[in-house]
């Protein structure tokens, strides 16, 4: 049998390494400490539904303080009164001014040559003169006819008186036996005929007088109607001299010199520089809160003027509504047409209001929730918003002063209840 090596084996005593033990113990304690510290965060990480980089987000802090609702925009100076002049009749136009010329009210700016209208006025004036002669002739004829009828009536009245005297003589003669009864009867018949003739002459005098008055009145009315036609044509001829309706400045010329234009063609525009306003574009979301008469401020050239909203367009163009402000007081003299100015319209002012910087979260959520940031976790929180301004929105419920929320970029959260914000 082969013998084992037990007889030659020796027991070697290994000395413990104290340094290595201390290192291992320290490493274990450090791991346990890190686990204790990071345990809540690790739990939140596992509970979050998504992770989004902070560089893709914008944050703001909820604050309590004054809340001013206003609309601030850039406006341009426009003329409140800027009439455009049109051709009242077709013809050749001669311009008397140039663009930019200063003009006075009533000054002739252009002349239209219209032979057709001028000739028509001359013709109608001639007709009016002829009607005036006819009216005068009707008056003379009426007087002559009235005199003849009066003469006829007077003669009939005289015949009646003669017949009465003849009858009286015959009756006296018959009483003395100088004439027969037949002569008395003839005298009576003559008197009756004279009376009838006088009555008819009187009636004809009244009727003819009325008829003559009607004829004269008809001639008069025809003459007056013709005079009205002549006056209207004269007005049209006078309008061939195109005059400035306001004191101001010639704006734009729409035609060339000696151009032939049709009726109602645009000729030129005049700008009233004494009645300037400022036009601004307001976002549609704020236009509903804007009202005529609201106070505003207009600033530029180192000056600030008070203004009032004077007009709001009912039309929305490219998501904006045009509004105009007039100066509350005298119009500044140093302003120019189309000059750019800063405009601010005050809608509301309140103190001690909970607000946060306005962001896309209002539109994305409809103001129903916001993501409140606590450390590196954003939690979806129901809120209720109130009024909004250009840079702030009022918080009615769901948030407290000092809280930090995500105001833009929440579309990356996909509606998750909790989101990790990575650095």
Protein backbone atom coordinates (compact mmCIF):
# COMPACT_ATOMS: atom_id res chain seq x y z
CA UNK A 1 0.00 0.00 0.00
CA UNK A 2 1.02 3.57 -0.76
CA UNK A 3 1.29 5.68 2.32
CA UNK A 4 -0.29 9.20 2.40
CA UNK A 5 1.54 12.43 3.07
CA UNK A 6 -0.03 13.09 6.42
CA UNK A 7 3.23 12.53 8.10
CA UNK A 8 4.82 15.39 6.19
CA UNK A 9 1.90 17.97 6.36
CA UNK A 10 2.31 21.12 8.54
CA UNK A 11 -0.34 23.46 9.88
CA UNK A 12 0.31 27.04 8.60
CA UNK A 13 -1.13 29.81 10.70
CA UNK A 14 -2.57 32.74 8.61
CA UNK A 15 -2.51 36.13 10.28
CA UNK A 16 -5.69 38.30 9.74
CA UNK A 17 -5.39 41.44 7.40
CA UNK A 18 -6.93 44.25 9.51
CA UNK A 19 -6.66 46.90 6.81
CA UNK A 20 -8.60 44.86 4.28
CA UNK A 21 -11.34 44.19 6.80
CA UNK A 22 -11.70 47.89 7.55
CA UNK A 23 -11.96 48.73 3.85
CA UNK A 24 -14.66 46.13 3.31
CA UNK A 25 -16.61 47.30 6.34
CA UNK A 26 -16.40 50.96 5.18
CA UNK A 27 -17.56 50.07 1.68
CA UNK A 28 -20.52 48.20 3.09
CA UNK A 29 -21.54 51.12 5.31
CA UNK A 30 -21.27 53.55 2.37
CA UNK A 31 -23.45 51.36 0.18
CA UNK A 32 -26.06 51.14 2.92
CA UNK A 33 -26.00 54.95 3.36
CA UNK A 34 -26.41 55.56 -0.36
CA UNK A 35 -29.29 53.12 -0.50
CA UNK A 36 -30.95 54.93 2.40
CA UNK A 37 -30.55 58.34 0.76
CA UNK A 38 -31.48 57.33 -2.78
CA UNK A 39 -34.30 55.01 -1.87
CA UNK A 40 -37.06 57.71 -2.13
CA UNK A 41 -35.65 59.02 -5.38
CA UNK A 42 -35.32 55.53 -6.81
CA UNK A 43 -38.92 54.92 -5.78
CA UNK A 44 -40.06 58.10 -7.55
CA UNK A 45 -38.07 57.15 -10.64
CA UNK A 46 -39.81 53.81 -10.81
CA UNK A 47 -43.21 55.47 -10.19
CA UNK A 48 -42.73 58.10 -13.00
CA UNK A 49 -44.15 57.35 -16.46
CA UNK A 50 -41.61 59.30 -18.54
CA UNK A 51 -38.37 61.23 -18.41
CA UNK A 52 -37.84 64.61 -20.16
CA UNK A 53 -34.74 66.76 -20.33
CA UNK A 54 -34.98 70.09 -18.51
CA UNK A 55 -33.47 71.83 -21.55
CA UNK A 56 -36.72 71.22 -23.40
CA UNK A 57 -38.86 72.86 -20.71
CA UNK A 58 -39.51 76.31 -19.27
CA UNK A 59 -40.32 76.93 -15.62
CA UNK A 60 -41.93 79.71 -13.59
CA UNK A 61 -42.74 80.35 -9.95
CA UNK A 62 -46.25 81.11 -8.69
CA UNK A 63 -46.36 84.57 -7.11
CA UNK A 64 -48.87 86.70 -5.25
CA UNK A 65 -49.06 90.40 -5.99
CA UNK A 66 -50.62 92.98 -8.31
CA UNK A 67 -52.22 91.74 -11.51
CA UNK A 68 -52.50 94.06 -14.47
CA UNK A 69 -54.38 93.01 -17.56
CA UNK A 70 -53.32 95.08 -20.49
CA UNK A 71 -52.68 94.87 -24.19
CA UNK A 72 -49.35 96.16 -25.42
CA UNK A 73 -48.62 96.37 -29.11
CA UNK A 74 -47.02 98.49 -31.77
CA UNK A 75 -49.33 100.87 -33.59
CA UNK A 76 -49.08 103.17 -36.54
CA UNK A 77 -50.44 106.67 -36.98
CA UNK A 78 -53.36 106.84 -39.40
CA UNK A 79 -55.72 109.62 -40.41
CA UNK A 80 -59.15 109.40 -38.81
CA UNK A 81 -60.51 111.39 -41.74
CA UNK A 82 -59.02 110.46 -45.10
CA UNK A 83 -61.66 111.00 -47.80
CA UNK A 84 -61.19 109.71 -51.33
CA UNK A 85 -62.50 112.00 -54.05
CA UNK A 86 -64.30 110.55 -57.08
CA UNK A 87 -65.25 111.83 -60.52
CA UNK A 88 -68.88 112.95 -60.52
CA UNK A 89 -68.97 112.77 -64.31
CA UNK A 90 -66.88 111.28 -67.06
CA UNK A 91 -64.35 113.46 -68.87
CA UNK A 92 -60.75 114.62 -69.06
CA UNK A 93 -59.19 115.48 -65.69
CA UNK A 94 -56.68 118.26 -65.08
CA UNK A 95 -54.86 117.96 -61.74
CA UNK A 96 -54.12 121.16 -59.85
CA UNK A 97 -52.00 119.59 -57.06
CA UNK A 98 -49.35 116.95 -56.45
CA UNK A 99 -49.06 114.21 -53.84
CA UNK A 100 -47.95 115.67 -50.51
CA UNK A 101 -49.20 119.22 -51.20
CA UNK A 102 -50.86 121.02 -48.29
CA UNK A 103 -54.41 122.09 -49.16
CA UNK A 104 -57.22 124.07 -47.56
CA UNK A 105 -60.89 123.24 -47.31
CA UNK A 106 -62.67 124.30 -50.52
CA UNK A 107 -59.47 124.52 -52.59
CA UNK A 108 -59.80 123.20 -56.16
CA UNK A 109 -57.72 120.04 -56.53
CA UNK A 110 -58.74 118.92 -60.03
CA UNK A 111 -60.97 119.99 -62.90
CA UNK A 112 -63.07 117.67 -65.06
CA UNK A 113 -63.97 118.73 -68.60
CA UNK A 114 -67.38 117.28 -69.55
CA UNK A 115 -68.86 118.87 -72.74
CA UNK A 116 -71.87 116.59 -72.57
CA UNK A 117 -72.87 117.80 -69.10
CA UNK A 118 -72.17 121.44 -69.95
CA UNK A 119 -74.31 121.27 -73.11
CA UNK A 120 -77.11 119.56 -71.24
CA UNK A 121 -77.10 122.36 -68.67
CA UNK A 122 -77.33 124.96 -71.46
CA UNK A 123 -80.23 123.11 -73.08
CA UNK A 124 -82.17 122.76 -69.87
CA UNK A 125 -81.51 126.40 -69.01
CA UNK A 126 -82.97 127.37 -72.38
CA UNK A 127 -86.03 125.21 -71.68
CA UNK A 128 -86.38 126.93 -68.32
CA UNK A 129 -86.31 130.34 -69.99
CA UNK A 130 -88.97 129.21 -72.49
CA UNK A 131 -91.15 127.94 -69.65
CA UNK A 132 -90.71 131.23 -67.82
CA UNK A 133 -92.02 133.04 -70.93
CA UNK A 134 -94.93 130.58 -71.20
CA UNK A 135 -95.76 131.14 -67.55
CA UNK A 136 -95.78 134.91 -68.01
CA UNK A 137 -97.90 134.57 -71.18
CA UNK A 138 -100.37 132.38 -69.29
CA UNK A 139 -100.68 135.08 -66.65
CA UNK A 140 -101.37 137.73 -69.30
CA UNK A 141 -103.89 135.51 -71.13
CA UNK A 142 -105.60 134.77 -67.85
CA UNK A 143 -105.95 138.46 -67.08
CA UNK A 144 -107.34 139.14 -70.58
CA UNK A 145 -109.82 136.25 -70.36
CA UNK A 146 -110.86 137.32 -66.91
CA UNK A 147 -111.48 140.88 -68.19
CA UNK A 148 -113.61 139.59 -71.06
CA UNK A 149 -115.70 137.44 -68.76
CA UNK A 150 -116.09 140.37 -66.39
CA UNK A 151 -117.23 142.51 -69.33
CA UNK A 152 -119.78 139.89 -70.36
CA UNK A 153 -121.11 139.71 -66.84
CA UNK A 154 -121.31 143.49 -66.55
CA UNK A 155 -123.23 143.76 -69.85
CA UNK A 156 -125.65 141.04 -68.75
CA UNK A 157 -126.20 142.89 -65.47
CA UNK A 158 -126.89 146.12 -67.37
CA UNK A 159 -129.33 144.30 -69.68
CA UNK A 160 -131.08 142.97 -66.60
CA UNK A 161 -131.46 146.47 -65.16
CA UNK A 162 -132.72 147.78 -68.55
CA UNK A 163 -135.32 145.02 -68.74
CA UNK A 164 -136.48 145.87 -65.22
CA UNK A 165 -136.96 149.55 -66.16
CA UNK A 166 -138.77 148.62 -69.38
CA UNK A 167 -141.13 146.37 -67.47
CA UNK A 168 -141.81 149.14 -64.98
CA UNK A 169 -142.65 151.61 -67.78
CA UNK A 170 -144.92 149.14 -69.56
CA UNK A 171 -146.75 148.38 -66.33
CA UNK A 172 -147.31 152.10 -65.68
CA UNK A 173 -148.41 152.65 -69.29
CA UNK A 174 -150.75 149.66 -69.13
CA UNK A 175 -152.31 151.07 -65.99
CA UNK A 176 -153.11 154.27 -67.92
CA UNK A 177 -154.28 152.34 -70.99
CA UNK A 178 -151.44 153.43 -73.21
CA UNK A 179 -150.19 149.90 -74.03
CA UNK A 180 -151.77 146.54 -74.30
CA UNK A 181 -151.34 143.63 -71.92
CA UNK A 182 -149.32 141.87 -74.61
CA UNK A 183 -146.60 144.48 -74.42
CA UNK A 184 -146.44 144.06 -70.66
CA UNK A 185 -145.99 140.27 -71.07
CA UNK A 186 -143.20 140.80 -73.60
CA UNK A 187 -141.45 143.11 -71.15
CA UNK A 188 -141.73 140.44 -68.45
CA UNK A 189 -140.23 137.85 -70.80
CA UNK A 190 -137.38 140.17 -71.69
CA UNK A 191 -136.65 140.73 -68.01
CA UNK A 192 -136.60 136.98 -67.32
CA UNK A 193 -134.22 136.38 -70.23
CA UNK A 194 -131.96 139.18 -68.98
CA UNK A 195 -131.93 137.70 -65.50
CA UNK A 196 -131.02 134.24 -66.86
CA UNK A 197 -128.27 135.70 -69.02
CA UNK A 198 -126.87 137.63 -66.03
CA UNK A 199 -126.91 134.50 -63.85
CA UNK A 200 -125.04 132.48 -66.49
CA UNK A 201 -122.54 135.27 -67.01
CA UNK A 202 -121.86 135.36 -63.27
CA UNK A 203 -121.44 131.58 -63.10
CA UNK A 204 -119.15 131.55 -66.15
CA UNK A 205 -117.07 134.31 -64.57
CA UNK A 206 -116.40 132.14 -61.49
CA UNK A 207 -115.74 128.96 -63.47
CA UNK A 208 -113.48 130.62 -65.98
CA UNK A 209 -111.59 132.30 -63.16
CA UNK A 210 -110.88 128.88 -61.54
CA UNK A 211 -109.90 127.38 -64.89
CA UNK A 212 -107.54 130.23 -65.62
CA UNK A 213 -105.96 129.90 -62.17
CA UNK A 214 -105.37 126.18 -62.76
CA UNK A 215 -103.74 126.86 -66.14
CA UNK A 216 -101.47 129.51 -64.66
CA UNK A 217 -100.57 127.23 -61.72
CA UNK A 218 -99.72 124.36 -64.11
CA UNK A 219 -97.38 126.65 -66.07
CA UNK A 220 -95.83 127.81 -62.81
CA UNK A 221 -95.23 124.27 -61.52
CA UNK A 222 -93.69 123.21 -64.85
CA UNK A 223 -91.37 126.19 -64.70
CA UNK A 224 -90.36 125.45 -61.09
CA UNK A 225 -89.72 121.79 -61.94
CA UNK A 226 -87.50 122.88 -64.80
CA UNK A 227 -85.65 125.25 -62.48
CA UNK A 228 -84.98 122.34 -60.11
CA UNK A 229 -83.57 120.32 -63.00
CA UNK A 230 -81.37 123.23 -63.99
CA UNK A 231 -80.20 123.65 -60.38
CA UNK A 232 -79.24 119.95 -60.19
CA UNK A 233 -77.34 120.16 -63.46
CA UNK A 234 -75.65 123.32 -62.24
CA UNK A 235 -74.59 121.45 -59.10
CA UNK A 236 -73.14 118.68 -61.26
CA UNK A 237 -71.27 121.21 -63.37
CA UNK A 238 -69.96 122.88 -60.20
CA UNK A 239 -68.79 119.47 -58.97
CA UNK A 240 -66.56 119.25 -62.03
CA UNK A 241 -64.35 121.50 -59.93
CA UNK A 242 -63.11 118.87 -57.45
CA UNK A 243 -62.56 120.65 -54.12
CA UNK A 244 -60.92 119.54 -50.89
CA UNK A 245 -63.47 118.67 -48.19
CA UNK A 246 -60.95 119.19 -45.34
CA UNK A 247 -57.79 121.04 -44.41
CA UNK A 248 -54.94 118.60 -44.82
CA UNK A 249 -52.52 117.07 -47.26
CA UNK A 250 -52.91 115.40 -50.63
CA UNK A 251 -52.35 111.69 -50.15
CA UNK A 252 -52.35 109.46 -53.20
CA UNK A 253 -53.09 110.34 -56.84
CA UNK A 254 -54.96 107.53 -58.58
CA UNK A 255 -54.83 108.95 -62.13
CA UNK A 256 -52.32 110.57 -64.45
CA UNK A 257 -52.48 114.16 -65.67
CA UNK A 258 -55.07 114.79 -68.45
CA UNK A 259 -56.42 111.26 -68.09
CA UNK A 260 -59.93 110.55 -69.32
CA UNK A 261 -61.97 108.85 -66.61
CA UNK A 262 -65.45 107.40 -66.27
CA UNK A 263 -68.03 108.48 -63.75
CA UNK A 264 -67.26 107.45 -60.12
CA UNK A 265 -63.58 106.81 -60.91
CA UNK A 266 -61.10 107.42 -58.06
CA UNK A 267 -59.15 110.63 -58.47
CA UNK A 268 -57.13 111.31 -55.30
CA UNK A 269 -57.23 111.14 -51.50
CA UNK A 270 -56.86 113.89 -48.91
CA UNK A 271 -55.51 113.29 -45.40
CA UNK A 272 -56.80 115.38 -42.51
CA UNK A 273 -53.67 115.77 -40.36
CA UNK A 274 -55.64 117.50 -37.58
CA UNK A 275 -57.49 114.28 -36.68
CA UNK A 276 -54.90 111.51 -36.33
CA UNK A 277 -55.46 108.16 -34.63
CA UNK A 278 -53.27 105.17 -33.81
CA UNK A 279 -54.15 101.78 -35.28
CA UNK A 280 -53.00 98.59 -33.55
CA UNK A 281 -53.42 94.84 -34.12
CA UNK A 282 -54.85 92.91 -31.16
CA UNK A 283 -54.72 89.09 -30.84
CA UNK A 284 -58.15 87.55 -31.21
CA UNK A 285 -58.01 86.06 -27.69
CA UNK A 286 -57.76 89.57 -26.17
CA UNK A 287 -60.09 91.34 -28.59
CA UNK A 288 -63.16 90.01 -26.80
CA UNK A 289 -62.16 91.95 -23.66
CA UNK A 290 -61.52 95.16 -25.58
CA UNK A 291 -64.26 97.79 -25.54
CA UNK A 292 -64.80 101.22 -27.03
CA UNK A 293 -63.96 103.97 -24.55
CA UNK A 294 -61.26 102.02 -22.67
CA UNK A 295 -58.29 104.09 -21.54
CA UNK A 296 -54.87 103.58 -23.07
CA UNK A 297 -51.42 105.08 -23.39
CA UNK A 298 -49.63 106.08 -26.58
CA UNK A 299 -45.91 106.66 -26.38
CA UNK A 300 -43.22 107.66 -28.83
CA UNK A 301 -40.69 110.42 -29.59
CA UNK A 302 -39.94 110.58 -25.86
CA UNK A 303 -43.55 111.53 -25.03
CA UNK A 304 -46.56 109.72 -23.61
CA UNK A 305 -50.14 110.68 -24.43
CA UNK A 306 -53.45 109.49 -23.06
CA UNK A 307 -55.77 107.78 -25.50
CA UNK A 308 -59.19 106.19 -25.75
CA UNK A 309 -60.27 103.18 -27.82
CA UNK A 310 -62.42 104.68 -30.57
CA UNK A 311 -63.06 101.77 -32.94
CA UNK A 312 -62.80 97.96 -33.04
CA UNK A 313 -63.02 96.07 -36.30
CA UNK A 314 -65.63 93.27 -36.37
CA UNK A 315 -63.42 91.26 -38.74
CA UNK A 316 -60.66 88.83 -37.73
CA UNK A 317 -57.70 88.73 -40.13
CA UNK A 318 -54.86 86.24 -39.56
CA UNK A 319 -55.93 85.76 -35.94
CA UNK A 320 -55.85 89.50 -35.18
CA UNK A 321 -58.39 92.29 -34.84
CA UNK A 322 -57.68 95.90 -35.83
CA UNK A 323 -58.45 98.58 -33.22
CA UNK A 324 -57.99 102.34 -33.18
CA UNK A 325 -57.16 104.77 -30.38
CA UNK A 326 -57.82 108.48 -30.54
CA UNK A 327 -55.87 111.02 -28.51
CA UNK A 328 -57.64 112.15 -25.34
CA UNK A 329 -57.20 115.84 -26.00
CA UNK A 330 -55.46 117.80 -28.72
CA UNK A 331 -53.67 115.84 -31.44
CA UNK A 332 -49.85 116.18 -31.14
CA UNK A 333 -48.39 118.29 -33.92
CA UNK A 334 -45.14 116.39 -34.40
CA UNK A 335 -46.73 113.12 -35.57
CA UNK A 336 -46.56 111.85 -39.15
CA UNK A 337 -48.68 109.51 -41.22
CA UNK A 338 -47.68 105.81 -40.73
CA UNK A 339 -45.33 106.69 -37.85
CA UNK A 340 -44.75 103.78 -35.45
CA UNK A 341 -45.76 104.26 -31.79
CA UNK A 342 -46.11 102.02 -28.74
CA UNK A 343 -49.66 101.44 -27.55
CA UNK A 344 -50.89 100.04 -24.24
CA UNK A 345 -54.55 99.52 -23.34
CA UNK A 346 -55.41 98.84 -19.68
CA UNK A 347 -58.10 96.18 -19.26
CA UNK A 348 -58.00 95.48 -15.50
CA UNK A 349 -55.88 96.17 -12.39
CA UNK A 350 -56.12 94.21 -9.10
CA UNK A 351 -53.89 93.69 -6.04
CA UNK A 352 -53.07 90.52 -4.05
CA UNK A 353 -53.74 88.11 -6.90
CA UNK A 354 -52.09 84.69 -7.34
CA UNK A 355 -50.41 84.69 -10.76
CA UNK A 356 -47.83 82.84 -12.79
CA UNK A 357 -46.00 83.65 -15.98
CA UNK A 358 -48.11 82.92 -19.03
CA UNK A 359 -47.02 79.93 -21.08
CA UNK A 360 -48.20 77.33 -23.52
CA UNK A 361 -49.46 75.13 -20.68
CA UNK A 362 -52.63 77.23 -20.58
CA UNK A 363 -53.47 76.46 -24.20
CA UNK A 364 -52.23 72.86 -24.11
CA UNK A 365 -54.28 71.91 -21.05
CA UNK A 366 -57.05 74.42 -21.50
CA UNK A 367 -56.15 75.74 -18.05
CA UNK A 368 -57.30 72.46 -16.42
CA UNK A 369 -53.97 71.27 -14.98
CA UNK A 370 -50.31 72.14 -14.53
CA UNK A 371 -47.15 70.20 -13.74
CA UNK A 372 -45.79 71.14 -10.32
CA UNK A 373 -42.04 70.58 -9.98
CA UNK A 374 -40.72 69.04 -6.74
CA UNK A 375 -37.04 68.29 -7.06
CA UNK A 376 -36.66 66.42 -10.32
CA UNK A 377 -40.25 65.14 -10.46
CA UNK A 378 -43.10 67.03 -12.19
CA UNK A 379 -46.52 66.04 -10.91
CA UNK A 380 -49.72 66.66 -12.83
CA UNK A 381 -51.96 68.86 -10.66
CA UNK A 382 -55.54 70.02 -11.40
CA UNK A 383 -55.85 73.81 -11.41
CA UNK A 384 -58.35 76.51 -12.38
CA UNK A 385 -57.22 79.67 -14.13
CA UNK A 386 -58.93 83.03 -14.38
CA UNK A 387 -58.15 86.13 -16.37
CA UNK A 388 -54.98 86.38 -18.42
CA UNK A 389 -52.78 89.18 -19.69
CA UNK A 390 -49.95 89.35 -22.16
CA UNK A 391 -47.37 87.86 -19.73
CA UNK A 392 -49.35 86.50 -16.77
CA UNK A 393 -52.32 84.30 -15.99
CA UNK A 394 -54.44 84.38 -12.82
CA UNK A 395 -54.54 81.19 -10.71
CA UNK A 396 -57.87 80.65 -8.94
CA UNK A 397 -57.37 77.16 -7.54
CA UNK A 398 -54.82 74.31 -7.33
CA UNK A 399 -51.53 76.17 -6.78
CA UNK A 400 -49.86 78.13 -4.00
CA UNK A 401 -47.39 80.98 -3.94
CA UNK A 402 -43.79 79.76 -4.22
CA UNK A 403 -44.56 76.59 -6.16
CA UNK A 404 -42.58 75.99 -9.35
CA UNK A 405 -44.40 74.74 -12.41
CA UNK A 406 -43.64 73.87 -16.02
CA UNK A 407 -45.08 76.58 -18.26
CA UNK A 408 -43.99 75.30 -21.67
CA UNK A 409 -42.93 72.00 -23.16
CA UNK A 410 -45.61 69.97 -21.38
CA UNK A 411 -46.61 68.45 -24.70
CA UNK A 412 -43.57 66.17 -24.22
CA UNK A 413 -45.20 64.69 -21.10
CA UNK A 414 -47.99 63.03 -23.10
CA UNK A 415 -50.40 63.64 -20.23
CA UNK A 416 -48.42 61.46 -17.77
CA UNK A 417 -49.26 61.77 -14.06
CA UNK A 418 -45.58 62.04 -13.09
CA UNK A 419 -42.56 62.86 -15.18
CA UNK A 420 -38.85 62.74 -14.32
CA UNK A 421 -36.99 65.91 -15.29
CA UNK A 422 -33.45 64.98 -16.19
CA UNK A 423 -30.58 67.46 -16.27
